[in-house]
């Protein structure tokens, strides 16, 4: 997790740094609207993402404190991803993006 000194001074730039790539936004979208997800759920709902890129982005979001990874002691092992309390605060941003995207498509 980055320290306050390592983050950009501008709050918008901070947000973009944390969730600004398309993969992170789609991962967060899945967790906002579907709550918990397994790795294969992400692969199915984001078909153009590679397993490596998905793994890297999940790790980055976890490191930044936005998602949590829960491992269940089962055979085979089961891993679920969900939003942390901090991650849940992104819901209004995703809701606004959903609404804006819908309005834009309807205006065309």
PDB file of N, CA and C in Angstrom:
ATOM      1  N   UNK A   1       0.852  -1.179   0.000  1.00  0.00           N
ATOM      2  CA  UNK A   1       0.000   0.000   0.000  1.00  0.00           C
ATOM      3  C   UNK A   1       0.893   1.235   0.000  1.00  0.00           C
ATOM      4  N   UNK A   2       0.526   2.194  -0.810  1.00  0.00           N
ATOM      5  CA  UNK A   2       1.291   3.426  -0.891  1.00  0.00           C
ATOM      6  C   UNK A   2       1.057   4.292   0.336  1.00  0.00           C
ATOM      7  N   UNK A   3       2.057   5.064   0.692  1.00  0.00           N
ATOM      8  CA  UNK A   3       1.898   6.013   1.784  1.00  0.00           C
ATOM      9  C   UNK A   3       1.299   7.291   1.226  1.00  0.00           C
ATOM     10  N   UNK A   4       0.832   8.163   2.107  1.00  0.00           N
ATOM     11  CA  UNK A   4       0.254   9.436   1.654  1.00  0.00           C
ATOM     12  C   UNK A   4       1.262  10.246   0.850  1.00  0.00           C
ATOM     13  N   UNK A   5       2.541  10.178   1.232  1.00  0.00           N
ATOM     14  CA  UNK A   5       3.569  10.935   0.524  1.00  0.00           C
ATOM     15  C   UNK A   5       3.814  10.404  -0.885  1.00  0.00           C
ATOM     16  N   UNK A   6       3.529   9.125  -1.122  1.00  0.00           N
ATOM     17  CA  UNK A   6       3.751   8.522  -2.432  1.00  0.00           C
ATOM     18  C   UNK A   6       2.577   8.751  -3.390  1.00  0.00           C
ATOM     19  N   UNK A   7       1.441   9.159  -2.866  1.00  0.00           N
ATOM     20  CA  UNK A   7       0.264   9.397  -3.700  1.00  0.00           C
ATOM     21  C   UNK A   7       0.323  10.786  -4.329  1.00  0.00           C
ATOM     22  N   UNK A   8      -0.301  10.961  -5.495  1.00  0.00           N
ATOM     23  CA  UNK A   8      -0.348  12.293  -6.110  1.00  0.00           C
ATOM     24  C   UNK A   8      -1.056  13.287  -5.192  1.00  0.00           C
ATOM     25  N   UNK A   9      -0.706  14.542  -5.337  1.00  0.00           N
ATOM     26  CA  UNK A   9      -1.327  15.580  -4.522  1.00  0.00           C
ATOM     27  C   UNK A   9      -2.803  15.767  -4.877  1.00  0.00           C
ATOM     28  N   UNK A  10      -3.119  15.635  -6.146  1.00  0.00           N
ATOM     29  CA  UNK A  10      -4.491  15.821  -6.626  1.00  0.00           C
ATOM     30  C   UNK A  10      -5.336  14.585  -6.299  1.00  0.00           C
ATOM     31  N   UNK A  11      -6.490  14.757  -5.634  1.00  0.00           N
ATOM     32  CA  UNK A  11      -7.352  13.622  -5.306  1.00  0.00           C
ATOM     33  C   UNK A  11      -7.854  12.851  -6.531  1.00  0.00           C
ATOM     34  N   UNK A  12      -8.103  13.547  -7.638  1.00  0.00           N
ATOM     35  CA  UNK A  12      -8.545  12.860  -8.859  1.00  0.00           C
ATOM     36  C   UNK A  12      -7.419  11.969  -9.377  1.00  0.00           C
ATOM     37  N   UNK A  13      -6.206  12.480  -9.349  1.00  0.00           N
ATOM     38  CA  UNK A  13      -5.055  11.691  -9.796  1.00  0.00           C
ATOM     39  C   UNK A  13      -4.843  10.475  -8.897  1.00  0.00           C
ATOM     40  N   UNK A  14      -5.100  10.626  -7.607  1.00  0.00           N
ATOM     41  CA  UNK A  14      -4.999   9.500  -6.684  1.00  0.00           C
ATOM     42  C   UNK A  14      -6.001   8.412  -7.053  1.00  0.00           C
ATOM     43  N   UNK A  15      -7.240   8.820  -7.317  1.00  0.00           N
ATOM     44  CA  UNK A  15      -8.277   7.859  -7.701  1.00  0.00           C
ATOM     45  C   UNK A  15      -7.895   7.157  -8.994  1.00  0.00           C
ATOM     46  N   UNK A  16      -7.434   7.917  -9.967  1.00  0.00           N
ATOM     47  CA  UNK A  16      -7.035   7.331 -11.247  1.00  0.00           C
ATOM     48  C   UNK A  16      -5.871   6.361 -11.047  1.00  0.00           C
ATOM     49  N   UNK A  17      -4.934   6.707 -10.200  1.00  0.00           N
ATOM     50  CA  UNK A  17      -3.800   5.819  -9.950  1.00  0.00           C
ATOM     51  C   UNK A  17      -4.265   4.494  -9.343  1.00  0.00           C
ATOM     52  N   UNK A  18      -5.253   4.543  -8.456  1.00  0.00           N
ATOM     53  CA  UNK A  18      -5.706   3.334  -7.762  1.00  0.00           C
ATOM     54  C   UNK A  18      -6.647   2.475  -8.596  1.00  0.00           C
ATOM     55  N   UNK A  19      -7.534   3.101  -9.380  1.00  0.00           N
ATOM     56  CA  UNK A  19      -8.538   2.307 -10.112  1.00  0.00           C
ATOM     57  C   UNK A  19      -8.603   2.668 -11.583  1.00  0.00           C
ATOM     58  N   UNK A  20      -7.601   3.375 -12.091  1.00  0.00           N
ATOM     59  CA  UNK A  20      -7.699   3.974 -13.410  1.00  0.00           C
ATOM     60  C   UNK A  20      -7.473   3.109 -14.619  1.00  0.00           C
ATOM     61  N   UNK A  21      -7.082   1.851 -14.474  1.00  0.00           N
ATOM     62  CA  UNK A  21      -6.974   1.069 -15.703  1.00  0.00           C
ATOM     63  C   UNK A  21      -8.252   0.274 -15.921  1.00  0.00           C
ATOM     64  N   UNK A  22      -8.492  -0.100 -17.161  1.00  0.00           N
ATOM     65  CA  UNK A  22      -9.775  -0.734 -17.479  1.00  0.00           C
ATOM     66  C   UNK A  22      -9.970  -2.050 -16.752  1.00  0.00           C
ATOM     67  N   UNK A  23      -8.900  -2.777 -16.498  1.00  0.00           N
ATOM     68  CA  UNK A  23      -9.047  -4.070 -15.826  1.00  0.00           C
ATOM     69  C   UNK A  23      -9.481  -3.893 -14.378  1.00  0.00           C
ATOM     70  N   UNK A  24      -8.863  -2.949 -13.676  1.00  0.00           N
ATOM     71  CA  UNK A  24      -9.237  -2.708 -12.274  1.00  0.00           C
ATOM     72  C   UNK A  24     -10.691  -2.259 -12.188  1.00  0.00           C
ATOM     73  N   UNK A  25     -11.110  -1.400 -13.097  1.00  0.00           N
ATOM     74  CA  UNK A  25     -12.498  -0.939 -13.087  1.00  0.00           C
ATOM     75  C   UNK A  25     -13.471  -2.092 -13.311  1.00  0.00           C
ATOM     76  N   UNK A  26     -13.134  -3.003 -14.215  1.00  0.00           N
ATOM     77  CA  UNK A  26     -14.026  -4.136 -14.474  1.00  0.00           C
ATOM     78  C   UNK A  26     -14.033  -5.125 -13.305  1.00  0.00           C
ATOM     79  N   UNK A  27     -12.894  -5.306 -12.662  1.00  0.00           N
ATOM     80  CA  UNK A  27     -12.833  -6.159 -11.469  1.00  0.00           C
ATOM     81  C   UNK A  27     -13.701  -5.554 -10.365  1.00  0.00           C
ATOM     82  N   UNK A  28     -13.542  -4.269 -10.128  1.00  0.00           N
ATOM     83  CA  UNK A  28     -14.328  -3.590  -9.090  1.00  0.00           C
ATOM     84  C   UNK A  28     -15.804  -3.612  -9.457  1.00  0.00           C
ATOM     85  N   UNK A  29     -16.123  -3.408 -10.742  1.00  0.00           N
ATOM     86  CA  UNK A  29     -17.519  -3.489 -11.197  1.00  0.00           C
ATOM     87  C   UNK A  29     -18.133  -4.831 -10.807  1.00  0.00           C
ATOM     88  N   UNK A  30     -17.413  -5.899 -11.082  1.00  0.00           N
ATOM     89  CA  UNK A  30     -17.922  -7.230 -10.739  1.00  0.00           C
ATOM     90  C   UNK A  30     -18.179  -7.360  -9.246  1.00  0.00           C
ATOM     91  N   UNK A  31     -17.284  -6.833  -8.446  1.00  0.00           N
ATOM     92  CA  UNK A  31     -17.434  -6.958  -6.996  1.00  0.00           C
ATOM     93  C   UNK A  31     -18.515  -6.035  -6.448  1.00  0.00           C
ATOM     94  N   UNK A  32     -18.696  -4.862  -7.053  1.00  0.00           N
ATOM     95  CA  UNK A  32     -19.759  -3.950  -6.623  1.00  0.00           C
ATOM     96  C   UNK A  32     -21.123  -4.545  -6.915  1.00  0.00           C
ATOM     97  N   UNK A  33     -21.284  -5.078  -8.122  1.00  0.00           N
ATOM     98  CA  UNK A  33     -22.600  -5.544  -8.538  1.00  0.00           C
ATOM     99  C   UNK A  33     -22.861  -7.022  -8.232  1.00  0.00           C
ATOM    100  N   UNK A  34     -21.813  -7.809  -7.995  1.00  0.00           N
ATOM    101  CA  UNK A  34     -21.995  -9.242  -7.727  1.00  0.00           C
ATOM    102  C   UNK A  34     -21.467  -9.683  -6.371  1.00  0.00           C
ATOM    103  N   UNK A  35     -20.977  -8.771  -5.597  1.00  0.00           N
ATOM    104  CA  UNK A  35     -20.417  -9.014  -4.262  1.00  0.00           C
ATOM    105  C   UNK A  35     -19.163  -9.865  -4.291  1.00  0.00           C
ATOM    106  N   UNK A  36     -19.259 -11.175  -4.141  1.00  0.00           N
ATOM    107  CA  UNK A  36     -18.073 -12.029  -4.101  1.00  0.00           C
ATOM    108  C   UNK A  36     -17.858 -12.681  -5.460  1.00  0.00           C
ATOM    109  N   UNK A  37     -16.593 -12.881  -5.798  1.00  0.00           N
ATOM    110  CA  UNK A  37     -16.237 -13.494  -7.073  1.00  0.00           C
ATOM    111  C   UNK A  37     -15.068 -14.449  -6.862  1.00  0.00           C
ATOM    112  N   UNK A  38     -15.073 -15.520  -7.643  1.00  0.00           N
ATOM    113  CA  UNK A  38     -13.930 -16.402  -7.689  1.00  0.00           C
ATOM    114  C   UNK A  38     -13.136 -16.064  -8.947  1.00  0.00           C
ATOM    115  N   UNK A  39     -11.918 -16.555  -9.005  1.00  0.00           N
ATOM    116  CA  UNK A  39     -11.049 -16.252 -10.134  1.00  0.00           C
ATOM    117  C   UNK A  39     -11.733 -16.590 -11.460  1.00  0.00           C
ATOM    118  N   UNK A  40     -12.352 -17.759 -11.527  1.00  0.00           N
ATOM    119  CA  UNK A  40     -13.012 -18.177 -12.771  1.00  0.00           C
ATOM    120  C   UNK A  40     -14.203 -17.292 -13.114  1.00  0.00           C
ATOM    121  N   UNK A  41     -14.853 -16.715 -12.115  1.00  0.00           N
ATOM    122  CA  UNK A  41     -15.953 -15.781 -12.378  1.00  0.00           C
ATOM    123  C   UNK A  41     -15.444 -14.549 -13.127  1.00  0.00           C
ATOM    124  N   UNK A  42     -14.274 -14.056 -12.711  1.00  0.00           N
ATOM    125  CA  UNK A  42     -13.684 -12.908 -13.408  1.00  0.00           C
ATOM    126  C   UNK A  42     -13.336 -13.274 -14.849  1.00  0.00           C
ATOM    127  N   UNK A  43     -12.736 -14.445 -15.035  1.00  0.00           N
ATOM    128  CA  UNK A  43     -12.340 -14.884 -16.377  1.00  0.00           C
ATOM    129  C   UNK A  43     -13.565 -14.971 -17.295  1.00  0.00           C
ATOM    130  N   UNK A  44     -14.679 -15.491 -16.763  1.00  0.00           N
ATOM    131  CA  UNK A  44     -15.894 -15.626 -17.570  1.00  0.00           C
ATOM    132  C   UNK A  44     -16.525 -14.276 -17.903  1.00  0.00           C
ATOM    133  N   UNK A  45     -16.506 -13.338 -16.956  1.00  0.00           N
ATOM    134  CA  UNK A  45     -17.188 -12.060 -17.159  1.00  0.00           C
ATOM    135  C   UNK A  45     -16.298 -10.994 -17.800  1.00  0.00           C
ATOM    136  N   UNK A  46     -14.989 -11.245 -17.839  1.00  0.00           N
ATOM    137  CA  UNK A  46     -14.050 -10.337 -18.500  1.00  0.00           C
ATOM    138  C   UNK A  46     -13.215 -11.201 -19.455  1.00  0.00           C
ATOM    139  N   UNK A  47     -13.832 -11.680 -20.527  1.00  0.00           N
ATOM    140  CA  UNK A  47     -13.185 -12.691 -21.366  1.00  0.00           C
ATOM    141  C   UNK A  47     -11.880 -12.257 -22.033  1.00  0.00           C
ATOM    142  N   UNK A  48     -11.657 -10.973 -22.222  1.00  0.00           N
ATOM    143  CA  UNK A  48     -10.443 -10.532 -22.902  1.00  0.00           C
ATOM    144  C   UNK A  48      -9.237 -10.387 -21.969  1.00  0.00           C
ATOM    145  N   UNK A  49      -9.425 -10.608 -20.674  1.00  0.00           N
ATOM    146  CA  UNK A  49      -8.320 -10.467 -19.726  1.00  0.00           C
ATOM    147  C   UNK A  49      -7.558 -11.790 -19.633  1.00  0.00           C
ATOM    148  N   UNK A  50      -6.238 -11.696 -19.598  1.00  0.00           N
ATOM    149  CA  UNK A  50      -5.433 -12.911 -19.433  1.00  0.00           C
ATOM    150  C   UNK A  50      -5.353 -13.246 -17.933  1.00  0.00           C
ATOM    151  N   UNK A  51      -5.020 -14.473 -17.639  1.00  0.00           N
ATOM    152  CA  UNK A  51      -4.913 -14.900 -16.242  1.00  0.00           C
ATOM    153  C   UNK A  51      -3.814 -14.127 -15.528  1.00  0.00           C
ATOM    154  N   UNK A  52      -2.707 -13.868 -16.213  1.00  0.00           N
ATOM    155  CA  UNK A  52      -1.612 -13.128 -15.593  1.00  0.00           C
ATOM    156  C   UNK A  52      -2.023 -11.700 -15.258  1.00  0.00           C
ATOM    157  N   UNK A  53      -2.674 -11.035 -16.214  1.00  0.00           N
ATOM    158  CA  UNK A  53      -3.106  -9.647 -15.994  1.00  0.00           C
ATOM    159  C   UNK A  53      -4.144  -9.597 -14.877  1.00  0.00           C
ATOM    160  N   UNK A  54      -5.070 -10.560 -14.858  1.00  0.00           N
ATOM    161  CA  UNK A  54      -6.057 -10.616 -13.790  1.00  0.00           C
ATOM    162  C   UNK A  54      -5.373 -10.795 -12.441  1.00  0.00           C
ATOM    163  N   UNK A  55      -4.443 -11.734 -12.363  1.00  0.00           N
ATOM    164  CA  UNK A  55      -3.713 -11.973 -11.110  1.00  0.00           C
ATOM    165  C   UNK A  55      -2.979 -10.722 -10.657  1.00  0.00           C
ATOM    166  N   UNK A  56      -2.281 -10.058 -11.574  1.00  0.00           N
ATOM    167  CA  UNK A  56      -1.532  -8.844 -11.228  1.00  0.00           C
ATOM    168  C   UNK A  56      -2.453  -7.746 -10.704  1.00  0.00           C
ATOM    169  N   UNK A  57      -3.608  -7.567 -11.356  1.00  0.00           N
ATOM    170  CA  UNK A  57      -4.536  -6.516 -10.934  1.00  0.00           C
ATOM    171  C   UNK A  57      -5.225  -6.865  -9.626  1.00  0.00           C
ATOM    172  N   UNK A  58      -5.560  -8.131  -9.416  1.00  0.00           N
ATOM    173  CA  UNK A  58      -6.145  -8.539  -8.127  1.00  0.00           C
ATOM    174  C   UNK A  58      -5.153  -8.281  -6.997  1.00  0.00           C
ATOM    175  N   UNK A  59      -3.898  -8.622  -7.219  1.00  0.00           N
ATOM    176  CA  UNK A  59      -2.865  -8.393  -6.201  1.00  0.00           C
ATOM    177  C   UNK A  59      -2.690  -6.909  -5.905  1.00  0.00           C
ATOM    178  N   UNK A  60      -2.701  -6.081  -6.954  1.00  0.00           N
ATOM    179  CA  UNK A  60      -2.543  -4.636  -6.764  1.00  0.00           C
ATOM    180  C   UNK A  60      -3.717  -4.062  -5.977  1.00  0.00           C
ATOM    181  N   UNK A  61      -4.930  -4.476  -6.321  1.00  0.00           N
ATOM    182  CA  UNK A  61      -6.108  -3.985  -5.595  1.00  0.00           C
ATOM    183  C   UNK A  61      -6.102  -4.454  -4.142  1.00  0.00           C
ATOM    184  N   UNK A  62      -5.622  -5.661  -3.919  1.00  0.00           N
ATOM    185  CA  UNK A  62      -5.516  -6.166  -2.543  1.00  0.00           C
ATOM    186  C   UNK A  62      -4.451  -5.381  -1.773  1.00  0.00           C
ATOM    187  N   UNK A  63      -3.323  -5.140  -2.425  1.00  0.00           N
ATOM    188  CA  UNK A  63      -2.243  -4.380  -1.780  1.00  0.00           C
ATOM    189  C   UNK A  63      -2.686  -2.960  -1.427  1.00  0.00           C
ATOM    190  N   UNK A  64      -3.530  -2.385  -2.266  1.00  0.00           N
ATOM    191  CA  UNK A  64      -4.034  -1.024  -2.026  1.00  0.00           C
ATOM    192  C   UNK A  64      -5.191  -0.997  -1.030  1.00  0.00           C
ATOM    193  N   UNK A  65      -5.601  -2.166  -0.540  1.00  0.00           N
ATOM    194  CA  UNK A  65      -6.642  -2.220   0.486  1.00  0.00           C
ATOM    195  C   UNK A  65      -8.057  -2.101  -0.036  1.00  0.00           C
ATOM    196  N   UNK A  66      -8.262  -2.309  -1.350  1.00  0.00           N
ATOM    197  CA  UNK A  66      -9.594  -2.154  -1.920  1.00  0.00           C
ATOM    198  C   UNK A  66     -10.359  -3.477  -1.999  1.00  0.00           C
ATOM    199  N   UNK A  67      -9.644  -4.582  -2.113  1.00  0.00           N
ATOM    200  CA  UNK A  67     -10.303  -5.891  -2.122  1.00  0.00           C
ATOM    201  C   UNK A  67      -9.610  -6.808  -1.117  1.00  0.00           C
ATOM    202  N   UNK A  68     -10.337  -7.846  -0.718  1.00  0.00           N
ATOM    203  CA  UNK A  68      -9.722  -8.850   0.155  1.00  0.00           C
ATOM    204  C   UNK A  68      -9.846 -10.208  -0.509  1.00  0.00           C
ATOM    205  N   UNK A  69      -8.885 -11.042  -0.220  1.00  0.00           N
ATOM    206  CA  UNK A  69      -8.802 -12.390  -0.782  1.00  0.00           C
ATOM    207  C   UNK A  69      -8.980 -13.357   0.376  1.00  0.00           C
ATOM    208  N   UNK A  70      -9.983 -14.208   0.259  1.00  0.00           N
ATOM    209  CA  UNK A  70     -10.265 -15.178   1.318  1.00  0.00           C
ATOM    210  C   UNK A  70     -10.050 -16.583   0.774  1.00  0.00           C
ATOM    211  N   UNK A  71      -9.153 -17.326   1.432  1.00  0.00           N
ATOM    212  CA  UNK A  71      -8.823 -18.685   1.023  1.00  0.00           C
ATOM    213  C   UNK A  71      -9.519 -19.647   1.968  1.00  0.00           C
ATOM    214  N   UNK A  72     -10.251 -20.592   1.402  1.00  0.00           N
ATOM    215  CA  UNK A  72     -10.957 -21.595   2.189  1.00  0.00           C
ATOM    216  C   UNK A  72     -10.165 -22.895   2.164  1.00  0.00           C
ATOM    217  N   UNK A  73     -10.013 -23.506   3.328  1.00  0.00           N
ATOM    218  CA  UNK A  73      -9.247 -24.742   3.453  1.00  0.00           C
ATOM    219  C   UNK A  73     -10.092 -25.920   2.986  1.00  0.00           C
ATOM    220  N   UNK A  74     -10.162 -26.069   1.677  1.00  0.00           N
ATOM    221  CA  UNK A  74     -10.927 -27.144   1.059  1.00  0.00           C
ATOM    222  C   UNK A  74     -10.057 -27.811   0.005  1.00  0.00           C
ATOM    223  N   UNK A  75     -10.498 -28.964  -0.441  1.00  0.00           N
ATOM    224  CA  UNK A  75      -9.821 -29.635  -1.543  1.00  0.00           C
ATOM    225  C   UNK A  75     -10.823 -29.775  -2.670  1.00  0.00           C
ATOM    226  N   UNK A  76     -10.605 -29.162  -3.821  1.00  0.00           N
ATOM    227  CA  UNK A  76      -9.509 -28.236  -4.119  1.00  0.00           C
ATOM    228  C   UNK A  76      -9.721 -26.900  -3.401  1.00  0.00           C
ATOM    229  N   UNK A  77      -8.633 -26.151  -3.212  1.00  0.00           N
ATOM    230  CA  UNK A  77      -8.755 -24.865  -2.512  1.00  0.00           C
ATOM    231  C   UNK A  77      -9.731 -23.924  -3.221  1.00  0.00           C
ATOM    232  N   UNK A  78     -10.466 -23.170  -2.439  1.00  0.00           N
ATOM    233  CA  UNK A  78     -11.414 -22.187  -2.975  1.00  0.00           C
ATOM    234  C   UNK A  78     -10.975 -20.813  -2.502  1.00  0.00           C
ATOM    235  N   UNK A  79     -10.934 -19.879  -3.423  1.00  0.00           N
ATOM    236  CA  UNK A  79     -10.539 -18.503  -3.113  1.00  0.00           C
ATOM    237  C   UNK A  79     -11.650 -17.587  -3.583  1.00  0.00           C
ATOM    238  N   UNK A  80     -12.075 -16.667  -2.717  1.00  0.00           N
ATOM    239  CA  UNK A  80     -13.092 -15.678  -3.077  1.00  0.00           C
ATOM    240  C   UNK A  80     -12.541 -14.281  -2.851  1.00  0.00           C
ATOM    241  N   UNK A  81     -12.924 -13.399  -3.742  1.00  0.00           N
ATOM    242  CA  UNK A  81     -12.532 -11.994  -3.643  1.00  0.00           C
ATOM    243  C   UNK A  81     -13.769 -11.164  -3.351  1.00  0.00           C
ATOM    244  N   UNK A  82     -13.600 -10.160  -2.510  1.00  0.00           N
ATOM    245  CA  UNK A  82     -14.695  -9.247  -2.204  1.00  0.00           C
ATOM    246  C   UNK A  82     -14.101  -7.875  -1.900  1.00  0.00           C
ATOM    247  N   UNK A  83     -14.975  -6.882  -1.866  1.00  0.00           N
ATOM    248  CA  UNK A  83     -14.523  -5.532  -1.538  1.00  0.00           C
ATOM    249  C   UNK A  83     -14.298  -5.393  -0.037  1.00  0.00           C
ATOM    250  N   UNK A  84     -13.286  -4.637   0.334  1.00  0.00           N
ATOM    251  CA  UNK A  84     -13.103  -4.266   1.728  1.00  0.00           C
ATOM    252  C   UNK A  84     -14.094  -3.132   2.033  1.00  0.00           C
ATOM    253  N   UNK A  85     -14.138  -2.713   3.264  1.00  0.00           N
ATOM    254  CA  UNK A  85     -15.002  -1.570   3.603  1.00  0.00           C
ATOM    255  C   UNK A  85     -14.577  -0.339   2.806  1.00  0.00           C
ATOM    256  N   UNK A  86     -13.282  -0.143   2.654  1.00  0.00           N
ATOM    257  CA  UNK A  86     -12.785   0.972   1.847  1.00  0.00           C
ATOM    258  C   UNK A  86     -13.191   0.791   0.389  1.00  0.00           C
ATOM    259  N   UNK A  87     -13.080  -0.418  -0.120  1.00  0.00           N
ATOM    260  CA  UNK A  87     -13.463  -0.703  -1.493  1.00  0.00           C
ATOM    261  C   UNK A  87     -14.938  -0.455  -1.754  1.00  0.00           C
ATOM    262  N   UNK A  88     -15.777  -0.723  -0.748  1.00  0.00           N
ATOM    263  CA  UNK A  88     -17.222  -0.504  -0.896  1.00  0.00           C
ATOM    264  C   UNK A  88     -17.555   0.971  -1.106  1.00  0.00           C
ATOM    265  N   UNK A  89     -16.668   1.852  -0.676  1.00  0.00           N
ATOM    266  CA  UNK A  89     -16.921   3.281  -0.863  1.00  0.00           C
ATOM    267  C   UNK A  89     -16.797   3.690  -2.331  1.00  0.00           C
ATOM    268  N   UNK A  90     -16.315   2.785  -3.193  1.00  0.00           N
ATOM    269  CA  UNK A  90     -16.238   3.057  -4.630  1.00  0.00           C
ATOM    270  C   UNK A  90     -17.580   2.870  -5.327  1.00  0.00           C
ATOM    271  N   UNK A  91     -18.563   2.284  -4.657  1.00  0.00           N
ATOM    272  CA  UNK A  91     -19.858   1.996  -5.280  1.00  0.00           C
ATOM    273  C   UNK A  91     -20.504   3.241  -5.904  1.00  0.00           C
ATOM    274  N   UNK A  92     -20.545   4.388  -5.225  1.00  0.00           N
ATOM    275  CA  UNK A  92     -21.158   5.570  -5.866  1.00  0.00           C
ATOM    276  C   UNK A  92     -20.447   5.975  -7.160  1.00  0.00           C
ATOM    277  N   UNK A  93     -19.144   5.770  -7.229  1.00  0.00           N
ATOM    278  CA  UNK A  93     -18.404   6.099  -8.442  1.00  0.00           C
ATOM    279  C   UNK A  93     -18.842   5.173  -9.578  1.00  0.00           C
ATOM    280  N   UNK A  94     -18.935   3.870  -9.291  1.00  0.00           N
ATOM    281  CA  UNK A  94     -19.363   2.911 -10.311  1.00  0.00           C
ATOM    282  C   UNK A  94     -20.820   3.142 -10.698  1.00  0.00           C
ATOM    283  N   UNK A  95     -21.659   3.459  -9.733  1.00  0.00           N
ATOM    284  CA  UNK A  95     -23.062   3.762 -10.041  1.00  0.00           C
ATOM    285  C   UNK A  95     -23.159   4.967 -10.973  1.00  0.00           C
ATOM    286  N   UNK A  96     -22.367   6.008 -10.703  1.00  0.00           N
ATOM    287  CA  UNK A  96     -22.379   7.204 -11.555  1.00  0.00           C
ATOM    288  C   UNK A  96     -21.862   6.876 -12.950  1.00  0.00           C
ATOM    289  N   UNK A  97     -20.837   6.044 -13.047  1.00  0.00           N
ATOM    290  CA  UNK A  97     -20.314   5.647 -14.354  1.00  0.00           C
ATOM    291  C   UNK A  97     -21.355   4.836 -15.122  1.00  0.00           C
ATOM    292  N   UNK A  98     -22.062   3.950 -14.432  1.00  0.00           N
ATOM    293  CA  UNK A  98     -23.108   3.146 -15.057  1.00  0.00           C
ATOM    294  C   UNK A  98     -24.209   4.055 -15.601  1.00  0.00           C
ATOM    295  N   UNK A  99     -24.640   5.004 -14.770  1.00  0.00           N
ATOM    296  CA  UNK A  99     -25.710   5.924 -15.177  1.00  0.00           C
ATOM    297  C   UNK A  99     -25.269   6.791 -16.352  1.00  0.00           C
ATOM    298  N   UNK A 100     -24.056   7.324 -16.282  1.00  0.00           N
ATOM    299  CA  UNK A 100     -23.563   8.182 -17.357  1.00  0.00           C
ATOM    300  C   UNK A 100     -23.440   7.372 -18.648  1.00  0.00           C
ATOM    301  N   UNK A 101     -22.902   6.164 -18.573  1.00  0.00           N
ATOM    302  CA  UNK A 101     -22.749   5.319 -19.754  1.00  0.00           C
ATOM    303  C   UNK A 101     -24.087   4.990 -20.390  1.00  0.00           C
ATOM    304  N   UNK A 102     -25.086   4.738 -19.556  1.00  0.00           N
ATOM    305  CA  UNK A 102     -26.442   4.455 -20.054  1.00  0.00           C
ATOM    306  C   UNK A 102     -27.011   5.679 -20.758  1.00  0.00           C
ATOM    307  N   UNK A 103     -26.880   6.847 -20.133  1.00  0.00           N
ATOM    308  CA  UNK A 103     -27.390   8.088 -20.738  1.00  0.00           C
ATOM    309  C   UNK A 103     -26.670   8.392 -22.054  1.00  0.00           C
ATOM    310  N   UNK A 104     -25.384   8.167 -22.085  1.00  0.00           N
ATOM    311  CA  UNK A 104     -24.602   8.427 -23.307  1.00  0.00           C
ATOM    312  C   UNK A 104     -25.091   7.517 -24.435  1.00  0.00           C
ATOM    313  N   UNK A 105     -25.252   6.244 -24.145  1.00  0.00           N
ATOM    314  CA  UNK A 105     -25.705   5.298 -25.171  1.00  0.00           C
ATOM    315  C   UNK A 105     -27.106   5.670 -25.665  1.00  0.00           C
ATOM    316  N   UNK A 106     -27.975   6.119 -24.774  1.00  0.00           N
ATOM    317  CA  UNK A 106     -29.335   6.503 -25.159  1.00  0.00           C
ATOM    318  C   UNK A 106     -29.348   7.790 -25.981  1.00  0.00           C
ATOM    319  N   UNK A 107     -28.352   8.643 -25.796  1.00  0.00           N
ATOM    320  CA  UNK A 107     -28.297   9.898 -26.527  1.00  0.00           C
ATOM    321  C   UNK A 107     -27.808   9.725 -27.959  1.00  0.00           C
ATOM    322  N   UNK A 108     -27.196   8.607 -28.245  1.00  0.00           N
ATOM    323  CA  UNK A 108     -26.654   8.381 -29.613  1.00  0.00           C
ATOM    324  C   UNK A 108     -27.760   8.126 -30.613  1.00  0.00           C
TER     325      UNK A 108
END
